[in-house]
Protein backbone atom coordinates (compact mmCIF):
# COMPACT_ATOMS: atom_id res chain seq x y z
CA MET A 1 159.50 351.05 53.33
CA ALA A 2 155.99 350.39 54.61
CA ARG A 3 155.65 348.24 57.69
CA ILE A 4 153.17 345.38 57.76
CA LYS A 5 150.67 345.62 60.62
CA CYS A 6 151.28 342.94 63.20
CA ALA A 7 148.53 341.97 65.65
CA GLU A 8 151.01 341.01 68.36
CA ARG A 9 152.74 344.38 68.07
CA GLU A 10 149.45 346.26 68.18
CA VAL A 11 148.43 344.41 71.37
CA ALA A 12 151.82 345.11 72.98
CA LYS A 13 151.62 348.75 71.91
CA ALA A 14 148.09 349.11 73.35
CA ASN A 15 149.32 347.64 76.66
CA SER A 16 152.40 349.91 76.74
CA GLY A 17 154.63 346.91 76.19
CA LYS A 18 158.19 347.37 74.99
CA THR A 19 158.47 344.07 73.12
CA TYR A 20 156.25 341.57 71.33
CA SER A 21 156.72 338.13 69.83
CA THR A 22 155.66 336.80 66.47
CA GLY A 23 157.25 333.37 66.85
CA LYS A 24 158.84 333.88 63.44
CA PRO A 25 162.58 334.28 62.80
CA CYS A 26 164.07 337.66 61.97
CA LYS A 27 166.20 338.18 58.85
CA ARG A 28 169.21 336.74 60.76
CA GLY A 29 167.24 333.69 61.91
CA HIS A 30 166.65 334.64 65.57
CA ILE A 31 163.34 333.57 67.02
CA SER A 32 163.28 336.38 69.52
CA GLU A 33 161.01 339.14 70.72
CA ARG A 34 161.01 342.39 68.79
CA PHE A 35 160.89 345.97 70.02
CA VAL A 36 157.51 347.66 69.63
CA SER A 37 159.13 351.02 68.82
CA THR A 38 161.45 349.84 66.04
CA TYR A 39 160.29 346.34 64.98
CA THR A 40 163.91 345.29 65.62
CA CYS A 41 164.78 341.82 66.87
CA VAL A 42 165.91 342.00 70.52
CA GLU A 43 168.70 339.46 69.93
CA CYS A 44 170.05 341.40 66.93
CA SER A 45 170.05 344.60 69.02
CA ARG A 46 171.91 342.83 71.83
CA MET A 47 174.54 341.53 69.44
CA GLU A 48 175.08 344.97 67.89
CA LEU A 49 175.28 346.67 71.30
CA TYR A 50 177.65 343.97 72.57
CA GLN A 51 180.00 344.45 69.61
CA THR A 52 179.92 348.25 69.96
CA GLU A 53 180.57 348.13 73.72
CA ARG A 54 183.31 345.52 73.28
CA GLU A 55 185.08 347.72 70.73
CA ARG A 56 184.83 350.76 73.02
CA TYR A 57 186.26 348.71 75.88
CA ARG A 58 189.14 347.40 73.77
CA THR A 59 190.11 350.87 72.55
CA SER A 60 189.74 352.57 75.93
CA GLU A 61 192.86 353.93 77.62
CA ASN A 62 191.30 353.26 81.03
CA THR A 63 188.81 350.41 81.40
CA LEU A 64 188.01 350.98 85.09
CA ALA A 65 184.77 352.83 84.30
CA TYR A 66 183.60 349.84 82.24
CA GLN A 67 184.64 347.44 85.00
CA LEU A 68 182.78 349.51 87.58
CA ARG A 69 179.58 349.47 85.49
CA GLN A 70 179.82 345.70 85.10
CA ARG A 71 180.36 345.27 88.84
CA LYS A 72 177.33 347.45 89.58
CA VAL A 73 175.09 345.24 87.44
CA SER A 74 176.46 342.09 89.11
CA ALA A 75 176.17 343.59 92.58
CA ASN A 76 172.54 344.53 91.97
CA LYS A 77 171.74 341.00 90.77
CA LEU A 78 173.50 339.44 93.77
CA GLY A 79 172.21 341.92 96.34
CA ILE A 80 175.72 343.14 97.18
CA PRO A 81 176.04 346.75 98.43
CA PHE A 82 177.21 349.17 95.76
CA ASN A 83 177.58 352.88 96.48
CA ILE A 84 180.95 353.82 95.05
CA LEU A 85 181.96 356.17 92.26
CA LEU A 86 185.02 355.97 90.04
CA GLU A 87 186.30 359.14 91.75
CA ASP A 88 186.30 357.24 95.09
CA ILE A 89 188.89 354.77 93.81
CA GLU A 90 192.61 355.57 93.83
CA GLN A 91 194.31 354.58 90.58
CA PRO A 92 197.95 353.83 91.41
CA GLU A 93 200.69 353.47 88.83
CA TYR A 94 201.96 350.24 90.40
CA CYS A 95 200.10 347.27 91.85
CA PRO A 96 200.13 347.70 95.65
CA VAL A 97 200.38 343.91 96.07
CA LEU A 98 202.99 342.79 93.51
CA GLY A 99 204.66 346.11 92.65
CA ILE A 100 204.27 345.67 88.89
CA LYS A 101 203.34 348.61 86.63
CA LEU A 102 199.59 348.55 86.05
CA ASN A 103 198.03 348.49 82.59
CA TYR A 104 194.73 350.41 82.61
CA ALA A 105 193.96 349.69 78.94
CA TRP A 106 192.42 346.48 77.64
CA GLY A 107 194.33 343.44 78.86
CA GLY A 108 194.04 341.11 75.87
CA LYS A 109 196.70 342.62 73.63
CA GLU A 110 199.64 340.70 72.20
CA GLY A 111 197.67 337.45 71.91
CA ARG A 112 197.48 336.87 75.67
CA LEU A 113 194.22 335.83 77.24
CA ARG A 114 194.94 337.97 80.28
CA ASP A 115 197.57 340.58 80.90
CA PRO A 116 198.93 339.90 84.42
CA SER A 117 199.47 343.65 84.89
CA LYS A 118 195.87 344.56 83.91
CA ALA A 119 194.35 346.94 86.47
CA THR A 120 191.32 345.32 88.15
CA LEU A 121 188.95 346.23 90.95
CA ASP A 122 189.36 344.34 94.20
CA LYS A 123 186.99 344.18 97.16
CA VAL A 124 189.20 343.70 100.22
CA ILE A 125 186.30 342.24 102.23
CA PRO A 126 183.92 340.74 99.66
CA LYS A 127 180.88 340.75 101.99
CA LEU A 128 181.08 344.53 102.41
CA GLY A 129 180.57 345.04 98.69
CA TYR A 130 181.54 347.98 96.52
CA VAL A 131 181.74 350.73 99.11
CA PRO A 132 184.36 353.45 99.65
CA GLY A 133 187.36 352.13 101.58
CA ASN A 134 186.76 348.54 100.50
CA VAL A 135 187.58 348.77 96.77
CA PHE A 136 191.13 349.11 95.47
CA VAL A 137 192.92 348.75 92.14
CA ILE A 138 195.35 345.82 91.96
CA SER A 139 196.79 343.77 89.10
CA TRP A 140 194.81 340.94 87.54
CA ARG A 141 197.54 338.53 88.69
CA ALA A 142 197.28 339.68 92.33
CA ASN A 143 193.48 339.55 92.18
CA LYS A 144 193.57 336.04 90.72
CA LEU A 145 196.03 334.85 93.36
CA LYS A 146 193.98 336.44 96.11
CA SER A 147 190.63 335.28 94.71
CA ASP A 148 188.37 334.52 97.66
CA MET A 149 191.15 333.25 99.90
CA THR A 150 190.95 333.85 103.64
CA ILE A 151 193.91 334.96 105.77
CA THR A 152 193.92 331.52 107.42
CA GLU A 153 194.14 329.81 104.03
CA LEU A 154 196.94 332.16 102.95
CA GLU A 155 198.86 331.42 106.16
CA LYS A 156 198.46 327.67 105.54
CA ILE A 157 199.83 328.06 102.01
CA MET A 158 202.76 330.17 103.26
CA ASN A 159 203.54 327.63 106.01
CA TYR A 160 203.41 324.79 103.48
CA ILE A 161 205.82 326.56 101.13
CA LYS A 162 208.18 327.45 104.00
CA GLU A 163 208.09 323.89 105.31
CA LYS A 164 208.75 322.28 101.93
CA THR A 165 211.40 324.73 100.76
CA HIS A 166 213.21 325.73 103.98
CA ASP A 167 216.53 324.25 102.84
CA GLN A 168 216.13 325.01 99.15
CA THR A 169 216.76 328.18 97.21
CA ILE A 170 213.92 329.13 94.92
């Protein structure tokens, strides 16, 4: 199939650009830039890559590598230190916080939005970032409960529960 010459593409190509814009929709209706090298719509490429990566993630026996890559991208955007490798992170069989058996595969099986036993990465001290000695694997449930809570806030919650339930059996 012969390609039609496009002035915008030729200008981008001459300037070593990676993308160009025609202002016209692609065959799927996206009004998006296109790649100089392939003429492909950037939005279509993103959608295809997203679907492929999502499927790999869902079929993976251990999603920690995917999680770590996602955290690296976020850390770079937020300026948070990141100098850890997957090999630096211990992968326990049980959650060190709640004691439940960890699920390292995708956590959305069986119609649940989140599997409480899903293995997730936790920064003990968020400000330190993703550095060795500060990142541990805990369950999604423990990570959600912990969130960004301080020790003082946790103590206040514990005191509240103790105060309100001291004579009651839970």
